[in-house]
Amino acid sequence: MKKLFLLPVLVLTLALQPAAFAEEAAPADAQIASADEKVEAEDVVEDWMVPIPGSEIEDGSYPIEVASSSSMFVIDSCILTVKDGEMSALMVMGGTGYLKLFMGTPEEAVAASEEEYIPVVEAQNGAHTFTVPVEALDKGIDCAAFSKRKEKWYDRVLVFKSTSIPRSAIKNAANVTAETLGLADGEYTAEVTLAGGSGKAKVESPALISIEDQKICATIVWSSKNYDYMKINDEKYLPINEEGNSTFKIPVDSFDYNMPVIADTVAMSQPHEIDYTLYFDSATLAPVEE
């Protein structure tokens, strides 16, 4: 009789187990923001990007630009620190909405221990900061952010841009100049590739290249008349034309790399600076025939 009594109890226990497991899993799922709770993500990994590990960066600290895939996760400023091939970044946030980060996906964050989370640190001015490890520059890095208000993990992708640190900070970076190419002073043309922004803007290619006293300048003609200045290394350059598409004469520090530039557009409701890169291909250099 005892055996017959235990059998229904065993069956009932087994029948209840899936529900029990579901109850345990539900809280974890509830900690991850659903698709309808998130804004549309932006693709911040550009076609030209090749990951650069810390072993290829000189030791030191550098201000660096960080691209975020979410407009709700804004980094006001960032300092990259490199030591013995390891990189970390102190990010100053544009808001106070996140309590902790995890370098990975929300699913991985939920499964991780509290010790693996990166807590927020409040600066003296009240700004929220996070210090995070950086696997590589020019690479999409998963970052889960825990919302203080929603109490959920949100997925973000961060890209630490190599073009925003000094070129000298990158070890063995090819510095392809007029001198290394043996170019005489004069005028040339070279193919130029524009990257960045929304992808809608274009520049004329090939571009006119002028070399004087071994200094390189390029004439950049935009596909729009709405650019009122450009910036290179914080130096502002104004258009050299009064009619037609915006045209600028700018210095070029090297061929064959993605040179960071800023262009200010007045096409929007208010002027807006946009980050771009220009790649001047030395293999396409050709002298201008008189």
Protein backbone atom coordinates (compact mmCIF):
# COMPACT_ATOMS: atom_id res chain seq x y z
CA MET A 1 0.00 0.00 0.00
CA LYS A 2 2.84 2.38 0.73
CA LYS A 3 4.20 1.95 -2.80
CA LEU A 4 0.83 2.67 -4.35
CA PHE A 5 0.54 5.82 -2.23
CA LEU A 6 3.97 7.16 -3.31
CA LEU A 7 3.38 6.72 -7.05
CA PRO A 8 0.77 9.52 -7.45
CA VAL A 9 2.96 11.81 -5.34
CA LEU A 10 5.94 11.13 -7.64
CA VAL A 11 3.86 11.75 -10.77
CA LEU A 12 2.52 14.99 -9.32
CA THR A 13 6.03 16.17 -8.44
CA LEU A 14 7.33 15.51 -11.95
CA ALA A 15 4.34 17.27 -13.48
CA LEU A 16 5.05 20.38 -11.42
CA GLN A 17 8.75 20.58 -12.27
CA PRO A 18 8.50 22.35 -15.69
CA ALA A 19 6.30 25.05 -14.19
CA ALA A 20 8.78 25.50 -11.36
CA PHE A 21 11.62 25.88 -13.83
CA ALA A 22 9.57 28.40 -15.85
CA GLU A 23 8.99 30.43 -12.71
CA GLU A 24 12.73 30.50 -12.05
CA ALA A 25 13.54 31.56 -15.63
CA ALA A 26 10.94 34.32 -15.79
CA PRO A 27 12.75 36.82 -13.52
CA ALA A 28 15.92 36.57 -15.65
CA ASP A 29 13.99 37.17 -18.89
CA ALA A 30 12.18 40.06 -17.26
CA GLN A 31 15.52 41.79 -16.62
CA ILE A 32 16.23 42.13 -20.36
CA ALA A 33 14.60 44.96 -22.33
CA SER A 34 12.35 43.74 -25.13
CA ALA A 35 12.52 45.03 -28.70
CA ASP A 36 9.58 47.41 -28.25
CA GLU A 37 11.32 49.01 -25.25
CA LYS A 38 14.39 50.04 -27.26
CA VAL A 39 15.11 52.74 -29.82
CA GLU A 40 16.40 51.69 -33.22
CA ALA A 41 20.07 50.77 -33.08
CA GLU A 42 22.61 52.46 -35.33
CA ASP A 43 25.35 50.51 -37.10
CA VAL A 44 28.52 52.13 -35.74
CA VAL A 45 31.06 49.72 -37.27
CA GLU A 46 32.19 51.29 -40.54
CA ASP A 47 33.37 49.32 -43.58
CA TRP A 48 36.96 50.55 -43.43
CA MET A 49 37.51 49.57 -39.80
CA VAL A 50 40.07 46.92 -38.89
CA PRO A 51 40.37 46.12 -35.15
CA ILE A 52 43.52 47.49 -33.50
CA PRO A 53 44.52 45.71 -30.24
CA GLY A 54 46.26 47.41 -27.36
CA SER A 55 49.57 45.82 -28.32
CA GLU A 56 49.64 48.12 -31.36
CA ILE A 57 49.07 51.32 -29.34
CA GLU A 58 51.79 53.23 -27.51
CA ASP A 59 51.43 53.39 -23.73
CA GLY A 60 49.75 56.57 -22.58
CA SER A 61 46.42 58.33 -22.11
CA TYR A 62 44.48 59.80 -25.02
CA PRO A 63 41.14 61.57 -25.44
CA ILE A 64 39.14 59.31 -27.77
CA GLU A 65 35.80 59.43 -29.52
CA VAL A 66 33.34 56.64 -28.75
CA ALA A 67 30.49 55.80 -31.10
CA SER A 68 27.38 54.32 -29.47
CA SER A 69 24.74 52.30 -31.28
CA SER A 70 22.01 53.87 -29.12
CA SER A 71 20.95 57.50 -28.94
CA MET A 72 19.92 56.74 -25.34
CA PHE A 73 23.51 55.86 -24.36
CA VAL A 74 25.53 59.03 -24.88
CA ILE A 75 29.22 59.39 -24.00
CA ASP A 76 30.14 63.05 -23.53
CA SER A 77 33.88 62.43 -23.33
CA CYS A 78 36.30 59.56 -22.92
CA ILE A 79 39.95 59.00 -21.97
CA LEU A 80 41.68 55.88 -23.27
CA THR A 81 44.53 54.52 -21.16
CA VAL A 82 47.02 52.03 -22.60
CA LYS A 83 49.60 50.18 -20.53
CA ASP A 84 51.56 47.07 -21.47
CA GLY A 85 49.15 46.23 -24.28
CA GLU A 86 46.02 46.48 -22.10
CA MET A 87 43.45 49.20 -22.72
CA SER A 88 40.76 50.75 -20.55
CA ALA A 89 38.52 53.76 -21.04
CA LEU A 90 37.02 56.24 -18.61
CA MET A 91 33.69 57.26 -20.12
CA VAL A 92 31.87 60.38 -18.92
CA MET A 93 28.21 59.85 -19.63
CA GLY A 94 25.76 62.37 -21.02
CA GLY A 95 23.13 61.36 -18.45
CA THR A 96 22.55 59.58 -15.16
CA GLY A 97 20.23 56.80 -16.26
CA TYR A 98 22.46 53.74 -15.82
CA LEU A 99 23.59 52.05 -12.62
CA LYS A 100 26.03 49.47 -13.99
CA LEU A 101 27.51 48.02 -17.18
CA PHE A 102 28.59 44.60 -18.33
CA MET A 103 30.92 44.10 -21.28
CA GLY A 104 28.81 41.60 -23.16
CA THR A 105 25.20 40.98 -24.10
CA PRO A 106 22.20 41.43 -21.77
CA GLU A 107 21.78 37.64 -21.71
CA GLU A 108 25.38 37.27 -20.54
CA ALA A 109 24.89 40.06 -18.02
CA VAL A 110 21.89 38.31 -16.42
CA ALA A 111 23.93 35.11 -16.07
CA ALA A 112 26.98 36.91 -14.65
CA SER A 113 27.80 37.48 -11.00
CA GLU A 114 27.60 40.87 -9.30
CA GLU A 115 31.42 41.01 -9.15
CA GLU A 116 31.57 41.08 -12.94
CA TYR A 117 29.46 44.23 -13.24
CA ILE A 118 31.05 47.67 -13.70
CA PRO A 119 29.43 50.07 -11.22
CA VAL A 120 28.75 53.72 -11.92
CA VAL A 121 31.09 56.23 -10.27
CA GLU A 122 29.85 59.76 -9.67
CA ALA A 123 32.39 62.49 -10.40
CA GLN A 124 32.73 65.62 -8.28
CA ASN A 125 30.60 67.58 -10.75
CA GLY A 126 27.83 64.99 -10.52
CA ALA A 127 28.54 63.36 -13.88
CA HIS A 128 28.23 59.60 -14.08
CA THR A 129 31.33 57.72 -15.23
CA PHE A 130 32.26 54.13 -16.05
CA THR A 131 35.73 52.67 -16.50
CA VAL A 132 35.57 49.78 -18.96
CA PRO A 133 38.09 47.42 -20.56
CA VAL A 134 38.63 47.97 -24.29
CA GLU A 135 39.30 44.86 -26.33
CA ALA A 136 40.35 46.76 -29.48
CA LEU A 137 39.89 50.05 -31.27
CA ASP A 138 37.76 50.20 -34.44
CA LYS A 139 35.78 47.17 -33.32
CA GLY A 140 32.14 46.79 -32.29
CA ILE A 141 32.16 45.85 -28.59
CA ASP A 142 29.02 44.55 -26.88
CA CYS A 143 28.05 46.49 -23.77
CA ALA A 144 24.96 45.80 -21.64
CA ALA A 145 23.69 48.80 -19.65
CA PHE A 146 21.37 48.47 -16.65
CA SER A 147 18.70 51.16 -16.57
CA LYS A 148 18.07 52.77 -13.20
CA ARG A 149 14.44 53.60 -14.03
CA LYS A 150 13.46 50.46 -15.95
CA GLU A 151 15.64 48.06 -13.93
CA LYS A 152 16.46 46.17 -17.13
CA TRP A 153 19.53 45.43 -19.23
CA TYR A 154 19.77 47.16 -22.63
CA ASP A 155 22.11 46.07 -25.41
CA ARG A 156 24.56 48.61 -26.85
CA VAL A 157 27.53 48.41 -29.22
CA LEU A 158 30.50 50.71 -28.65
CA VAL A 159 33.30 51.58 -31.06
CA PHE A 160 36.43 53.34 -29.79
CA LYS A 161 37.71 55.19 -32.86
CA SER A 162 41.41 55.06 -33.67
CA THR A 163 41.07 58.08 -35.97
CA SER A 164 40.44 60.30 -32.95
CA ILE A 165 43.77 59.60 -31.22
CA PRO A 166 47.13 60.95 -32.45
CA ARG A 167 48.49 59.02 -35.41
CA SER A 168 51.82 58.81 -33.59
CA ALA A 169 50.11 56.74 -30.86
CA ILE A 170 49.63 53.84 -33.27
CA LYS A 171 52.75 51.70 -33.54
CA ASN A 172 54.19 51.11 -37.01
CA ALA A 173 51.57 53.35 -38.60
CA ALA A 174 52.64 54.02 -42.15
CA ASN A 175 53.30 57.72 -42.65
CA VAL A 176 53.03 58.06 -46.43
CA THR A 177 54.07 61.60 -47.29
CA ALA A 178 55.30 63.49 -50.33
CA GLU A 179 58.84 62.93 -49.07
CA THR A 180 58.50 59.15 -48.59
CA LEU A 181 56.91 58.88 -52.04
CA GLY A 182 59.59 61.05 -53.64
CA LEU A 183 57.02 63.48 -55.06
CA ALA A 184 58.20 66.78 -56.49
CA ASP A 185 56.32 69.97 -55.80
CA GLY A 186 53.42 70.41 -58.18
CA GLU A 187 49.83 69.38 -58.79
CA TYR A 188 48.48 65.83 -58.85
CA THR A 189 45.17 64.00 -58.64
CA ALA A 190 44.35 61.10 -56.32
CA GLU A 191 41.29 59.02 -55.56
CA VAL A 192 39.66 60.01 -52.27
CA THR A 193 37.10 58.04 -50.27
CA LEU A 194 34.74 59.66 -47.77
CA ALA A 195 33.35 57.71 -44.79
CA GLY A 196 31.22 58.66 -41.79
CA GLY A 197 28.12 60.71 -41.25
CA SER A 198 24.84 59.35 -42.55
CA GLY A 199 26.47 57.98 -45.69
CA LYS A 200 24.52 60.37 -47.93
CA ALA A 201 27.29 62.94 -48.42
CA LYS A 202 29.87 62.50 -51.19
CA VAL A 203 33.04 64.23 -52.32
CA GLU A 204 34.41 64.47 -55.84
CA SER A 205 37.03 61.88 -56.70
CA PRO A 206 39.74 62.11 -57.84
CA ALA A 207 40.66 65.18 -55.83
CA LEU A 208 43.23 67.81 -56.79
CA ILE A 209 46.40 67.41 -54.71
CA SER A 210 48.86 70.30 -54.40
CA ILE A 211 52.38 69.82 -53.05
CA GLU A 212 54.49 72.81 -52.05
CA ASP A 213 57.68 72.54 -49.96
CA GLN A 214 56.69 68.87 -49.41
CA LYS A 215 53.43 69.95 -47.71
CA ILE A 216 50.31 68.28 -49.09
CA CYS A 217 46.98 70.03 -49.62
CA ALA A 218 43.80 68.64 -51.16
CA THR A 219 40.89 70.42 -52.78
CA ILE A 220 37.70 68.81 -51.50
CA VAL A 221 34.46 69.38 -53.43
CA TRP A 222 31.35 68.24 -51.60
CA SER A 223 28.11 67.00 -53.12
CA SER A 224 26.27 69.79 -51.31
CA LYS A 225 26.52 73.57 -51.01
CA ASN A 226 25.56 73.43 -47.32
CA TYR A 227 28.96 73.00 -45.66
CA ASP A 228 30.21 76.27 -44.18
CA TYR A 229 33.51 75.10 -42.69
CA MET A 230 35.75 72.11 -42.12
CA LYS A 231 38.04 71.29 -39.20
CA ILE A 232 41.30 69.38 -39.28
CA ASN A 233 43.19 69.00 -35.99
CA ASP A 234 40.97 71.74 -34.47
CA GLU A 235 41.97 74.19 -37.22
CA LYS A 236 39.00 75.69 -39.07
CA TYR A 237 38.97 76.03 -42.88
CA LEU A 238 36.44 78.10 -44.82
CA PRO A 239 35.15 77.47 -48.36
CA ILE A 240 37.31 78.77 -51.20
CA ASN A 241 34.28 79.34 -53.48
CA GLU A 242 31.17 81.53 -53.27
CA GLU A 243 28.90 79.59 -55.66
CA GLY A 244 28.25 75.93 -56.31
CA ASN A 245 28.97 73.00 -54.03
CA SER A 246 31.08 73.66 -50.95
CA THR A 247 34.78 73.50 -51.81
CA PHE A 248 37.70 73.55 -49.38
CA LYS A 249 41.48 73.42 -49.57
CA ILE A 250 42.74 71.41 -46.61
CA PRO A 251 46.08 70.01 -45.43
CA VAL A 252 46.72 66.27 -45.72
CA ASP A 253 49.14 64.80 -43.19
CA SER A 254 49.46 61.40 -44.87
CA PHE A 255 48.16 59.26 -47.69
CA ASP A 256 46.72 55.75 -47.27
CA TYR A 257 44.87 56.11 -43.98
CA ASN A 258 41.48 57.33 -42.81
CA MET A 259 42.23 60.94 -41.93
CA PRO A 260 39.66 62.33 -39.45
CA VAL A 261 37.93 65.57 -40.46
CA ILE A 262 34.91 67.52 -39.30
CA ALA A 263 32.49 69.29 -41.62
CA ASP A 264 29.79 71.68 -40.43
CA THR A 265 26.49 71.57 -42.30
CA VAL A 266 23.77 74.23 -42.30
CA ALA A 267 21.27 71.96 -44.07
CA MET A 268 19.60 71.04 -40.78
CA SER A 269 17.44 73.23 -38.53
CA GLN A 270 20.65 74.45 -36.94
CA PRO A 271 24.37 74.10 -37.86
CA HIS A 272 25.72 70.68 -37.03
CA GLU A 273 29.29 69.35 -37.01
CA ILE A 274 29.67 65.87 -38.52
CA ASP A 275 32.64 63.52 -38.16
CA TYR A 276 34.05 62.05 -41.36
CA THR A 277 37.23 60.42 -42.59
CA LEU A 278 39.00 60.98 -45.91
CA TYR A 279 41.24 58.31 -47.44
CA PHE A 280 43.68 59.54 -50.09
CA ASP A 281 45.01 56.62 -52.11
CA SER A 282 48.67 57.13 -52.98
CA ALA A 283 48.53 54.32 -55.56
CA THR A 284 46.26 56.51 -57.70
CA LEU A 285 48.44 59.62 -57.70
CA ALA A 286 48.90 61.11 -61.15
CA PRO A 287 50.53 64.39 -62.15
CA VAL A 288 48.29 67.05 -63.65
CA GLU A 289 49.28 67.63 -67.23
CA GLU A 290 49.73 71.25 -68.19
